[in-house]
């Protein structure tokens, strides 16, 4: 357990690839078994800083949760893919249509 914790501290943990991909959806549960989802998760993480054991622990901790999304009527979506994009959005906001060219 200590070596896994040290690995998590010393490695780059990514919200999307390490955490969100471990969370299941209703659709994924209907199509794949948990073993198949783990196999897909691990294949996606082939270039990860983490050991297979650490990735399996992350998956085991999160895969029982189901991703659920709420939408806002007439809302818009902005993809904040990098920390720099997130900071710009938080500091400057997204008030002009020019800033929101990719909003869908």
PDB file of N, CA and C in Angstrom:
ATOM      1  N   UNK A   1       0.813  -1.199   0.000  1.00  0.00           N
ATOM      2  CA  UNK A   1       0.000   0.000   0.000  1.00  0.00           C
ATOM      3  C   UNK A   1       0.860   1.267   0.000  1.00  0.00           C
ATOM      4  N   UNK A   2       1.961   1.261   0.744  1.00  0.00           N
ATOM      5  CA  UNK A   2       2.830   2.435   0.803  1.00  0.00           C
ATOM      6  C   UNK A   2       3.452   2.703  -0.557  1.00  0.00           C
ATOM      7  N   UNK A   3       3.882   1.653  -1.268  1.00  0.00           N
ATOM      8  CA  UNK A   3       4.504   1.850  -2.582  1.00  0.00           C
ATOM      9  C   UNK A   3       3.495   2.371  -3.588  1.00  0.00           C
ATOM     10  N   UNK A   4       2.240   1.943  -3.493  1.00  0.00           N
ATOM     11  CA  UNK A   4       1.201   2.465  -4.389  1.00  0.00           C
ATOM     12  C   UNK A   4       0.960   3.938  -4.090  1.00  0.00           C
ATOM     13  N   UNK A   5       0.887   4.297  -2.824  1.00  0.00           N
ATOM     14  CA  UNK A   5       0.691   5.700  -2.448  1.00  0.00           C
ATOM     15  C   UNK A   5       1.851   6.546  -2.933  1.00  0.00           C
ATOM     16  N   UNK A   6       3.071   6.057  -2.798  1.00  0.00           N
ATOM     17  CA  UNK A   6       4.254   6.793  -3.272  1.00  0.00           C
ATOM     18  C   UNK A   6       4.197   6.956  -4.789  1.00  0.00           C
ATOM     19  N   UNK A   7       3.781   5.912  -5.495  1.00  0.00           N
ATOM     20  CA  UNK A   7       3.648   5.972  -6.954  1.00  0.00           C
ATOM     21  C   UNK A   7       2.651   7.049  -7.362  1.00  0.00           C
ATOM     22  N   UNK A   8       1.537   7.155  -6.636  1.00  0.00           N
ATOM     23  CA  UNK A   8       0.527   8.161  -6.948  1.00  0.00           C
ATOM     24  C   UNK A   8       1.065   9.573  -6.730  1.00  0.00           C
ATOM     25  N   UNK A   9       1.881   9.742  -5.709  1.00  0.00           N
ATOM     26  CA  UNK A   9       2.446  11.058  -5.409  1.00  0.00           C
ATOM     27  C   UNK A   9       3.531  11.426  -6.418  1.00  0.00           C
ATOM     28  N   UNK A  10       4.349  10.467  -6.809  1.00  0.00           N
ATOM     29  CA  UNK A  10       5.479  10.724  -7.693  1.00  0.00           C
ATOM     30  C   UNK A  10       5.107  10.763  -9.174  1.00  0.00           C
ATOM     31  N   UNK A  11       3.906  10.367  -9.533  1.00  0.00           N
ATOM     32  CA  UNK A  11       3.509  10.272 -10.931  1.00  0.00           C
ATOM     33  C   UNK A  11       2.477  11.335 -11.277  1.00  0.00           C
ATOM     34  N   UNK A  12       2.274  11.502 -12.559  1.00  0.00           N
ATOM     35  CA  UNK A  12       1.319  12.492 -13.060  1.00  0.00           C
ATOM     36  C   UNK A  12      -0.071  11.867 -13.113  1.00  0.00           C
ATOM     37  N   UNK A  13      -0.976  12.322 -12.273  1.00  0.00           N
ATOM     38  CA  UNK A  13      -2.348  11.839 -12.235  1.00  0.00           C
ATOM     39  C   UNK A  13      -3.206  12.763 -13.086  1.00  0.00           C
ATOM     40  N   UNK A  14      -3.899  12.208 -14.076  1.00  0.00           N
ATOM     41  CA  UNK A  14      -4.701  13.002 -14.996  1.00  0.00           C
ATOM     42  C   UNK A  14      -6.183  12.763 -14.750  1.00  0.00           C
ATOM     43  N   UNK A  15      -6.940  13.847 -14.678  1.00  0.00           N
ATOM     44  CA  UNK A  15      -8.369  13.765 -14.415  1.00  0.00           C
ATOM     45  C   UNK A  15      -9.076  12.895 -15.443  1.00  0.00           C
ATOM     46  N   UNK A  16      -8.850  13.162 -16.722  1.00  0.00           N
ATOM     47  CA  UNK A  16      -9.576  12.431 -17.755  1.00  0.00           C
ATOM     48  C   UNK A  16      -9.102  10.985 -17.868  1.00  0.00           C
ATOM     49  N   UNK A  17      -7.827  10.795 -18.172  1.00  0.00           N
ATOM     50  CA  UNK A  17      -7.382   9.437 -18.499  1.00  0.00           C
ATOM     51  C   UNK A  17      -7.311   8.512 -17.293  1.00  0.00           C
ATOM     52  N   UNK A  18      -6.944   9.004 -16.143  1.00  0.00           N
ATOM     53  CA  UNK A  18      -6.813   8.120 -14.991  1.00  0.00           C
ATOM     54  C   UNK A  18      -8.106   7.994 -14.186  1.00  0.00           C
ATOM     55  N   UNK A  19      -8.850   9.065 -14.073  1.00  0.00           N
ATOM     56  CA  UNK A  19     -10.020   9.034 -13.195  1.00  0.00           C
ATOM     57  C   UNK A  19     -11.336   8.858 -13.951  1.00  0.00           C
ATOM     58  N   UNK A  20     -11.642   9.751 -14.888  1.00  0.00           N
ATOM     59  CA  UNK A  20     -12.934   9.664 -15.570  1.00  0.00           C
ATOM     60  C   UNK A  20     -13.101   8.387 -16.383  1.00  0.00           C
ATOM     61  N   UNK A  21     -12.034   7.912 -17.008  1.00  0.00           N
ATOM     62  CA  UNK A  21     -12.156   6.685 -17.796  1.00  0.00           C
ATOM     63  C   UNK A  21     -12.376   5.451 -16.925  1.00  0.00           C
ATOM     64  N   UNK A  22     -12.107   5.560 -15.641  1.00  0.00           N
ATOM     65  CA  UNK A  22     -12.341   4.439 -14.734  1.00  0.00           C
ATOM     66  C   UNK A  22     -13.798   4.374 -14.281  1.00  0.00           C
ATOM     67  N   UNK A  23     -14.512   5.484 -14.398  1.00  0.00           N
ATOM     68  CA  UNK A  23     -15.914   5.537 -13.978  1.00  0.00           C
ATOM     69  C   UNK A  23     -16.787   4.938 -15.076  1.00  0.00           C
ATOM     70  N   UNK A  24     -17.743   4.125 -14.682  1.00  0.00           N
ATOM     71  CA  UNK A  24     -18.595   3.423 -15.645  1.00  0.00           C
ATOM     72  C   UNK A  24     -19.777   4.279 -16.089  1.00  0.00           C
ATOM     73  N   UNK A  25     -20.389   3.843 -17.174  1.00  0.00           N
ATOM     74  CA  UNK A  25     -21.652   4.418 -17.642  1.00  0.00           C
ATOM     75  C   UNK A  25     -22.647   3.270 -17.805  1.00  0.00           C
ATOM     76  N   UNK A  26     -23.924   3.597 -17.849  1.00  0.00           N
ATOM     77  CA  UNK A  26     -24.925   2.548 -18.057  1.00  0.00           C
ATOM     78  C   UNK A  26     -24.650   1.803 -19.354  1.00  0.00           C
ATOM     79  N   UNK A  27     -24.315   2.540 -20.407  1.00  0.00           N
ATOM     80  CA  UNK A  27     -24.050   1.926 -21.705  1.00  0.00           C
ATOM     81  C   UNK A  27     -22.878   0.967 -21.662  1.00  0.00           C
ATOM     82  N   UNK A  28     -21.812   1.359 -20.989  1.00  0.00           N
ATOM     83  CA  UNK A  28     -20.627   0.495 -20.887  1.00  0.00           C
ATOM     84  C   UNK A  28     -20.945  -0.766 -20.097  1.00  0.00           C
ATOM     85  N   UNK A  29     -21.750  -0.625 -19.055  1.00  0.00           N
ATOM     86  CA  UNK A  29     -22.106  -1.789 -18.240  1.00  0.00           C
ATOM     87  C   UNK A  29     -22.958  -2.781 -19.020  1.00  0.00           C
ATOM     88  N   UNK A  30     -23.773  -2.273 -19.960  1.00  0.00           N
ATOM     89  CA  UNK A  30     -24.611  -3.158 -20.774  1.00  0.00           C
ATOM     90  C   UNK A  30     -23.791  -3.920 -21.805  1.00  0.00           C
ATOM     91  N   UNK A  31     -22.717  -3.309 -22.310  1.00  0.00           N
ATOM     92  CA  UNK A  31     -21.934  -3.879 -23.403  1.00  0.00           C
ATOM     93  C   UNK A  31     -20.781  -4.745 -22.910  1.00  0.00           C
ATOM     94  N   UNK A  32     -20.077  -4.286 -21.895  1.00  0.00           N
ATOM     95  CA  UNK A  32     -18.849  -4.956 -21.447  1.00  0.00           C
ATOM     96  C   UNK A  32     -18.958  -5.426 -20.004  1.00  0.00           C
ATOM     97  N   UNK A  33     -18.249  -6.509 -19.715  1.00  0.00           N
ATOM     98  CA  UNK A  33     -18.119  -6.949 -18.330  1.00  0.00           C
ATOM     99  C   UNK A  33     -17.097  -6.045 -17.639  1.00  0.00           C
ATOM    100  N   UNK A  34     -17.057  -6.102 -16.338  1.00  0.00           N
ATOM    101  CA  UNK A  34     -16.073  -5.307 -15.587  1.00  0.00           C
ATOM    102  C   UNK A  34     -14.653  -5.689 -16.002  1.00  0.00           C
ATOM    103  N   UNK A  35     -14.429  -6.969 -16.230  1.00  0.00           N
ATOM    104  CA  UNK A  35     -13.105  -7.439 -16.658  1.00  0.00           C
ATOM    105  C   UNK A  35     -12.733  -6.824 -18.012  1.00  0.00           C
ATOM    106  N   UNK A  36     -13.684  -6.762 -18.944  1.00  0.00           N
ATOM    107  CA  UNK A  36     -13.429  -6.152 -20.256  1.00  0.00           C
ATOM    108  C   UNK A  36     -13.163  -4.646 -20.134  1.00  0.00           C
ATOM    109  N   UNK A  37     -13.931  -3.972 -19.250  1.00  0.00           N
ATOM    110  CA  UNK A  37     -13.713  -2.536 -19.044  1.00  0.00           C
ATOM    111  C   UNK A  37     -12.333  -2.281 -18.449  1.00  0.00           C
ATOM    112  N   UNK A  38     -11.912  -3.137 -17.511  1.00  0.00           N
ATOM    113  CA  UNK A  38     -10.574  -3.006 -16.928  1.00  0.00           C
ATOM    114  C   UNK A  38      -9.515  -3.194 -18.011  1.00  0.00           C
ATOM    115  N   UNK A  39      -9.688  -4.177 -18.863  1.00  0.00           N
ATOM    116  CA  UNK A  39      -8.726  -4.428 -19.940  1.00  0.00           C
ATOM    117  C   UNK A  39      -8.613  -3.209 -20.856  1.00  0.00           C
ATOM    118  N   UNK A  40      -9.748  -2.606 -21.222  1.00  0.00           N
ATOM    119  CA  UNK A  40      -9.743  -1.398 -22.067  1.00  0.00           C
ATOM    120  C   UNK A  40      -9.064  -0.240 -21.335  1.00  0.00           C
ATOM    121  N   UNK A  41      -9.372  -0.098 -20.052  1.00  0.00           N
ATOM    122  CA  UNK A  41      -8.779   0.968 -19.244  1.00  0.00           C
ATOM    123  C   UNK A  41      -7.263   0.827 -19.213  1.00  0.00           C
ATOM    124  N   UNK A  42      -6.783  -0.380 -18.952  1.00  0.00           N
ATOM    125  CA  UNK A  42      -5.342  -0.607 -18.881  1.00  0.00           C
ATOM    126  C   UNK A  42      -4.674  -0.413 -20.242  1.00  0.00           C
ATOM    127  N   UNK A  43      -5.332  -0.797 -21.329  1.00  0.00           N
ATOM    128  CA  UNK A  43      -4.727  -0.598 -22.650  1.00  0.00           C
ATOM    129  C   UNK A  43      -4.640   0.879 -22.993  1.00  0.00           C
ATOM    130  N   UNK A  44      -5.590   1.669 -22.524  1.00  0.00           N
ATOM    131  CA  UNK A  44      -5.552   3.116 -22.735  1.00  0.00           C
ATOM    132  C   UNK A  44      -4.402   3.749 -21.957  1.00  0.00           C
ATOM    133  N   UNK A  45      -4.006   3.124 -20.872  1.00  0.00           N
ATOM    134  CA  UNK A  45      -2.985   3.662 -19.974  1.00  0.00           C
ATOM    135  C   UNK A  45      -1.599   3.080 -20.237  1.00  0.00           C
ATOM    136  N   UNK A  46      -1.358   2.555 -21.421  1.00  0.00           N
ATOM    137  CA  UNK A  46      -0.089   1.873 -21.690  1.00  0.00           C
ATOM    138  C   UNK A  46       1.126   2.783 -21.552  1.00  0.00           C
ATOM    139  N   UNK A  47       0.958   4.088 -21.709  1.00  0.00           N
ATOM    140  CA  UNK A  47       2.079   5.024 -21.566  1.00  0.00           C
ATOM    141  C   UNK A  47       2.074   5.732 -20.210  1.00  0.00           C
ATOM    142  N   UNK A  48       1.313   5.223 -19.291  1.00  0.00           N
ATOM    143  CA  UNK A  48       1.161   5.849 -17.984  1.00  0.00           C
ATOM    144  C   UNK A  48       2.428   5.718 -17.141  1.00  0.00           C
ATOM    145  N   UNK A  49       2.590   6.671 -16.242  1.00  0.00           N
ATOM    146  CA  UNK A  49       3.673   6.612 -15.250  1.00  0.00           C
ATOM    147  C   UNK A  49       3.384   5.568 -14.174  1.00  0.00           C
ATOM    148  N   UNK A  50       2.129   5.121 -14.093  1.00  0.00           N
ATOM    149  CA  UNK A  50       1.709   4.238 -13.019  1.00  0.00           C
ATOM    150  C   UNK A  50       1.926   2.766 -13.367  1.00  0.00           C
ATOM    151  N   UNK A  51       2.169   1.987 -12.347  1.00  0.00           N
ATOM    152  CA  UNK A  51       2.268   0.537 -12.524  1.00  0.00           C
ATOM    153  C   UNK A  51       0.874  -0.018 -12.799  1.00  0.00           C
ATOM    154  N   UNK A  52       0.836  -1.215 -13.349  1.00  0.00           N
ATOM    155  CA  UNK A  52      -0.447  -1.871 -13.591  1.00  0.00           C
ATOM    156  C   UNK A  52      -1.211  -2.041 -12.288  1.00  0.00           C
ATOM    157  N   UNK A  53      -0.497  -2.367 -11.208  1.00  0.00           N
ATOM    158  CA  UNK A  53      -1.142  -2.544  -9.911  1.00  0.00           C
ATOM    159  C   UNK A  53      -1.807  -1.251  -9.442  1.00  0.00           C
ATOM    160  N   UNK A  54      -1.133  -0.130  -9.599  1.00  0.00           N
ATOM    161  CA  UNK A  54      -1.706   1.152  -9.185  1.00  0.00           C
ATOM    162  C   UNK A  54      -2.934   1.487 -10.033  1.00  0.00           C
ATOM    163  N   UNK A  55      -2.848   1.243 -11.354  1.00  0.00           N
ATOM    164  CA  UNK A  55      -3.988   1.505 -12.229  1.00  0.00           C
ATOM    165  C   UNK A  55      -5.172   0.613 -11.878  1.00  0.00           C
ATOM    166  N   UNK A  56      -4.893  -0.638 -11.553  1.00  0.00           N
ATOM    167  CA  UNK A  56      -5.964  -1.548 -11.140  1.00  0.00           C
ATOM    168  C   UNK A  56      -6.632  -1.063  -9.858  1.00  0.00           C
ATOM    169  N   UNK A  57      -5.851  -0.496  -8.943  1.00  0.00           N
ATOM    170  CA  UNK A  57      -6.414   0.049  -7.693  1.00  0.00           C
ATOM    171  C   UNK A  57      -7.305   1.258  -7.988  1.00  0.00           C
ATOM    172  N   UNK A  58      -6.837   2.134  -8.889  1.00  0.00           N
ATOM    173  CA  UNK A  58      -7.645   3.297  -9.270  1.00  0.00           C
ATOM    174  C   UNK A  58      -8.956   2.819  -9.882  1.00  0.00           C
ATOM    175  N   UNK A  59      -8.861   1.880 -10.833  1.00  0.00           N
ATOM    176  CA  UNK A  59     -10.050   1.355 -11.496  1.00  0.00           C
ATOM    177  C   UNK A  59     -10.999   0.712 -10.492  1.00  0.00           C
ATOM    178  N   UNK A  60     -10.457  -0.113  -9.612  1.00  0.00           N
ATOM    179  CA  UNK A  60     -11.294  -0.791  -8.617  1.00  0.00           C
ATOM    180  C   UNK A  60     -12.003   0.204  -7.699  1.00  0.00           C
ATOM    181  N   UNK A  61     -11.343   1.307  -7.392  1.00  0.00           N
ATOM    182  CA  UNK A  61     -11.930   2.314  -6.510  1.00  0.00           C
ATOM    183  C   UNK A  61     -13.031   3.126  -7.188  1.00  0.00           C
ATOM    184  N   UNK A  62     -12.925   3.308  -8.502  1.00  0.00           N
ATOM    185  CA  UNK A  62     -13.865   4.196  -9.189  1.00  0.00           C
ATOM    186  C   UNK A  62     -14.879   3.500 -10.087  1.00  0.00           C
ATOM    187  N   UNK A  63     -14.612   2.282 -10.513  1.00  0.00           N
ATOM    188  CA  UNK A  63     -15.463   1.646 -11.516  1.00  0.00           C
ATOM    189  C   UNK A  63     -16.872   1.324 -11.028  1.00  0.00           C
ATOM    190  N   UNK A  64     -17.079   1.266  -9.734  1.00  0.00           N
ATOM    191  CA  UNK A  64     -18.430   0.998  -9.231  1.00  0.00           C
ATOM    192  C   UNK A  64     -19.322   2.238  -9.305  1.00  0.00           C
ATOM    193  N   UNK A  65     -18.709   3.410  -9.475  1.00  0.00           N
ATOM    194  CA  UNK A  65     -19.477   4.644  -9.623  1.00  0.00           C
ATOM    195  C   UNK A  65     -19.967   4.769 -11.059  1.00  0.00           C
ATOM    196  N   UNK A  66     -21.103   5.409 -11.234  1.00  0.00           N
ATOM    197  CA  UNK A  66     -21.662   5.600 -12.564  1.00  0.00           C
ATOM    198  C   UNK A  66     -21.620   7.089 -12.913  1.00  0.00           C
ATOM    199  N   UNK A  67     -21.067   7.377 -14.088  1.00  0.00           N
ATOM    200  CA  UNK A  67     -21.006   8.756 -14.553  1.00  0.00           C
ATOM    201  C   UNK A  67     -22.400   9.203 -14.955  1.00  0.00           C
ATOM    202  N   UNK A  68     -22.841  10.308 -14.389  1.00  0.00           N
ATOM    203  CA  UNK A  68     -24.138  10.878 -14.735  1.00  0.00           C
ATOM    204  C   UNK A  68     -23.933  12.345 -15.049  1.00  0.00           C
ATOM    205  N   UNK A  69     -24.627  12.805 -16.061  1.00  0.00           N
ATOM    206  CA  UNK A  69     -24.473  14.184 -16.513  1.00  0.00           C
ATOM    207  C   UNK A  69     -25.831  14.861 -16.525  1.00  0.00           C
ATOM    208  N   UNK A  70     -25.887  16.066 -16.025  1.00  0.00           N
ATOM    209  CA  UNK A  70     -27.109  16.871 -16.090  1.00  0.00           C
ATOM    210  C   UNK A  70     -26.887  17.978 -17.104  1.00  0.00           C
ATOM    211  N   UNK A  71     -27.879  18.196 -17.925  1.00  0.00           N
ATOM    212  CA  UNK A  71     -27.766  19.285 -18.898  1.00  0.00           C
ATOM    213  C   UNK A  71     -28.692  20.424 -18.494  1.00  0.00           C
ATOM    214  N   UNK A  72     -28.318  21.610 -18.891  1.00  0.00           N
ATOM    215  CA  UNK A  72     -29.112  22.803 -18.619  1.00  0.00           C
ATOM    216  C   UNK A  72     -29.826  23.176 -19.913  1.00  0.00           C
ATOM    217  N   UNK A  73     -31.156  23.312 -19.886  1.00  0.00           N
ATOM    218  CA  UNK A  73     -31.861  23.695 -21.108  1.00  0.00           C
ATOM    219  C   UNK A  73     -31.283  24.988 -21.689  1.00  0.00           C
ATOM    220  N   UNK A  74     -31.058  24.974 -22.986  1.00  0.00           N
ATOM    221  CA  UNK A  74     -30.486  26.121 -23.703  1.00  0.00           C
ATOM    222  C   UNK A  74     -29.094  26.491 -23.209  1.00  0.00           C
ATOM    223  N   UNK A  75     -28.442  25.592 -22.508  1.00  0.00           N
ATOM    224  CA  UNK A  75     -27.074  25.832 -22.050  1.00  0.00           C
ATOM    225  C   UNK A  75     -26.088  25.615 -23.178  1.00  0.00           C
ATOM    226  N   UNK A  76     -24.855  25.919 -22.928  1.00  0.00           N
ATOM    227  CA  UNK A  76     -23.813  25.693 -23.922  1.00  0.00           C
ATOM    228  C   UNK A  76     -22.680  24.908 -23.277  1.00  0.00           C
ATOM    229  N   UNK A  77     -21.802  24.405 -24.099  1.00  0.00           N
ATOM    230  CA  UNK A  77     -20.699  23.577 -23.632  1.00  0.00           C
ATOM    231  C   UNK A  77     -19.397  24.208 -24.074  1.00  0.00           C
ATOM    232  N   UNK A  78     -18.457  24.280 -23.164  1.00  0.00           N
ATOM    233  CA  UNK A  78     -17.123  24.737 -23.517  1.00  0.00           C
ATOM    234  C   UNK A  78     -16.143  23.679 -23.018  1.00  0.00           C
ATOM    235  N   UNK A  79     -15.259  23.265 -23.879  1.00  0.00           N
ATOM    236  CA  UNK A  79     -14.286  22.249 -23.512  1.00  0.00           C
ATOM    237  C   UNK A  79     -13.048  22.933 -22.961  1.00  0.00           C
ATOM    238  N   UNK A  80     -12.712  22.628 -21.734  1.00  0.00           N
ATOM    239  CA  UNK A  80     -11.514  23.155 -21.096  1.00  0.00           C
ATOM    240  C   UNK A  80     -10.540  21.994 -20.977  1.00  0.00           C
ATOM    241  N   UNK A  81      -9.724  21.818 -22.010  1.00  0.00           N
ATOM    242  CA  UNK A  81      -8.880  20.646 -22.096  1.00  0.00           C
ATOM    243  C   UNK A  81      -7.540  20.750 -21.395  1.00  0.00           C
ATOM    244  N   UNK A  82      -7.105  21.947 -21.113  1.00  0.00           N
ATOM    245  CA  UNK A  82      -5.803  22.107 -20.472  1.00  0.00           C
ATOM    246  C   UNK A  82      -5.931  23.022 -19.262  1.00  0.00           C
ATOM    247  N   UNK A  83      -4.956  22.976 -18.403  1.00  0.00           N
ATOM    248  CA  UNK A  83      -4.950  23.869 -17.251  1.00  0.00           C
ATOM    249  C   UNK A  83      -4.913  25.317 -17.704  1.00  0.00           C
ATOM    250  N   UNK A  84      -4.149  25.611 -18.767  1.00  0.00           N
ATOM    251  CA  UNK A  84      -4.080  26.982 -19.280  1.00  0.00           C
ATOM    252  C   UNK A  84      -5.458  27.453 -19.749  1.00  0.00           C
ATOM    253  N   UNK A  85      -6.203  26.581 -20.434  1.00  0.00           N
ATOM    254  CA  UNK A  85      -7.552  26.944 -20.884  1.00  0.00           C
ATOM    255  C   UNK A  85      -8.483  27.171 -19.697  1.00  0.00           C
ATOM    256  N   UNK A  86      -8.370  26.329 -18.681  1.00  0.00           N
ATOM    257  CA  UNK A  86      -9.187  26.485 -17.489  1.00  0.00           C
ATOM    258  C   UNK A  86      -8.883  27.812 -16.794  1.00  0.00           C
ATOM    259  N   UNK A  87      -7.598  28.133 -16.623  1.00  0.00           N
ATOM    260  CA  UNK A  87      -7.228  29.387 -15.966  1.00  0.00           C
ATOM    261  C   UNK A  87      -7.714  30.595 -16.755  1.00  0.00           C
ATOM    262  N   UNK A  88      -7.561  30.554 -18.082  1.00  0.00           N
ATOM    263  CA  UNK A  88      -8.043  31.660 -18.911  1.00  0.00           C
ATOM    264  C   UNK A  88      -9.549  31.830 -18.739  1.00  0.00           C
ATOM    265  N   UNK A  89     -10.269  30.726 -18.737  1.00  0.00           N
ATOM    266  CA  UNK A  89     -11.714  30.769 -18.566  1.00  0.00           C
ATOM    267  C   UNK A  89     -12.085  31.344 -17.201  1.00  0.00           C
ATOM    268  N   UNK A  90     -11.390  30.912 -16.143  1.00  0.00           N
ATOM    269  CA  UNK A  90     -11.707  31.375 -14.794  1.00  0.00           C
ATOM    270  C   UNK A  90     -11.348  32.845 -14.588  1.00  0.00           C
ATOM    271  N   UNK A  91     -10.244  33.287 -15.220  1.00  0.00           N
ATOM    272  CA  UNK A  91      -9.798  34.668 -15.044  1.00  0.00           C
ATOM    273  C   UNK A  91     -10.530  35.614 -15.992  1.00  0.00           C
ATOM    274  N   UNK A  92     -10.540  35.281 -17.277  1.00  0.00           N
ATOM    275  CA  UNK A  92     -11.124  36.173 -18.284  1.00  0.00           C
ATOM    276  C   UNK A  92     -12.588  35.876 -18.561  1.00  0.00           C
ATOM    277  N   UNK A  93     -13.014  34.682 -18.256  1.00  0.00           N
ATOM    278  CA  UNK A  93     -14.391  34.294 -18.545  1.00  0.00           C
ATOM    279  C   UNK A  93     -14.559  33.962 -20.013  1.00  0.00           C
ATOM    280  N   UNK A  94     -15.763  33.684 -20.383  1.00  0.00           N
ATOM    281  CA  UNK A  94     -16.080  33.352 -21.773  1.00  0.00           C
ATOM    282  C   UNK A  94     -17.257  34.203 -22.193  1.00  0.00           C
ATOM    283  N   UNK A  95     -17.043  35.506 -22.195  1.00  0.00           N
ATOM    284  CA  UNK A  95     -18.163  36.416 -22.385  1.00  0.00           C
ATOM    285  C   UNK A  95     -18.446  36.790 -23.831  1.00  0.00           C
ATOM    286  N   UNK A  96     -17.496  36.590 -24.726  1.00  0.00           N
ATOM    287  CA  UNK A  96     -17.736  36.988 -26.108  1.00  0.00           C
ATOM    288  C   UNK A  96     -17.949  35.775 -26.992  1.00  0.00           C
ATOM    289  N   UNK A  97     -18.712  35.958 -28.050  1.00  0.00           N
ATOM    290  CA  UNK A  97     -18.963  34.843 -28.960  1.00  0.00           C
ATOM    291  C   UNK A  97     -17.679  34.424 -29.658  1.00  0.00           C
ATOM    292  N   UNK A  98     -16.732  35.346 -29.825  1.00  0.00           N
ATOM    293  CA  UNK A  98     -15.449  35.010 -30.442  1.00  0.00           C
ATOM    294  C   UNK A  98     -14.683  34.016 -29.586  1.00  0.00           C
ATOM    295  N   UNK A  99     -14.756  34.172 -28.258  1.00  0.00           N
ATOM    296  CA  UNK A  99     -14.090  33.250 -27.341  1.00  0.00           C
ATOM    297  C   UNK A  99     -14.737  31.865 -27.374  1.00  0.00           C
ATOM    298  N   UNK A 100     -16.001  31.809 -27.768  1.00  0.00           N
ATOM    299  CA  UNK A 100     -16.769  30.575 -27.702  1.00  0.00           C
ATOM    300  C   UNK A 100     -17.006  29.954 -29.073  1.00  0.00           C
ATOM    301  N   UNK A 101     -16.067  30.074 -29.979  1.00  0.00           N
ATOM    302  CA  UNK A 101     -16.255  29.547 -31.320  1.00  0.00           C
ATOM    303  C   UNK A 101     -16.515  28.051 -31.324  1.00  0.00           C
ATOM    304  N   UNK A 102     -15.954  27.334 -30.372  1.00  0.00           N
ATOM    305  CA  UNK A 102     -16.128  25.889 -30.328  1.00  0.00           C
ATOM    306  C   UNK A 102     -17.216  25.439 -29.364  1.00  0.00           C
ATOM    307  N   UNK A 103     -17.990  26.383 -28.843  1.00  0.00           N
ATOM    308  CA  UNK A 103     -19.050  26.041 -27.913  1.00  0.00           C
ATOM    309  C   UNK A 103     -20.168  25.352 -28.681  1.00  0.00           C
ATOM    310  N   UNK A 104     -20.631  24.233 -28.146  1.00  0.00           N
ATOM    311  CA  UNK A 104     -21.712  23.471 -28.786  1.00  0.00           C
ATOM    312  C   UNK A 104     -22.784  23.163 -27.785  1.00  0.00           C
TER     313      UNK A 104
END
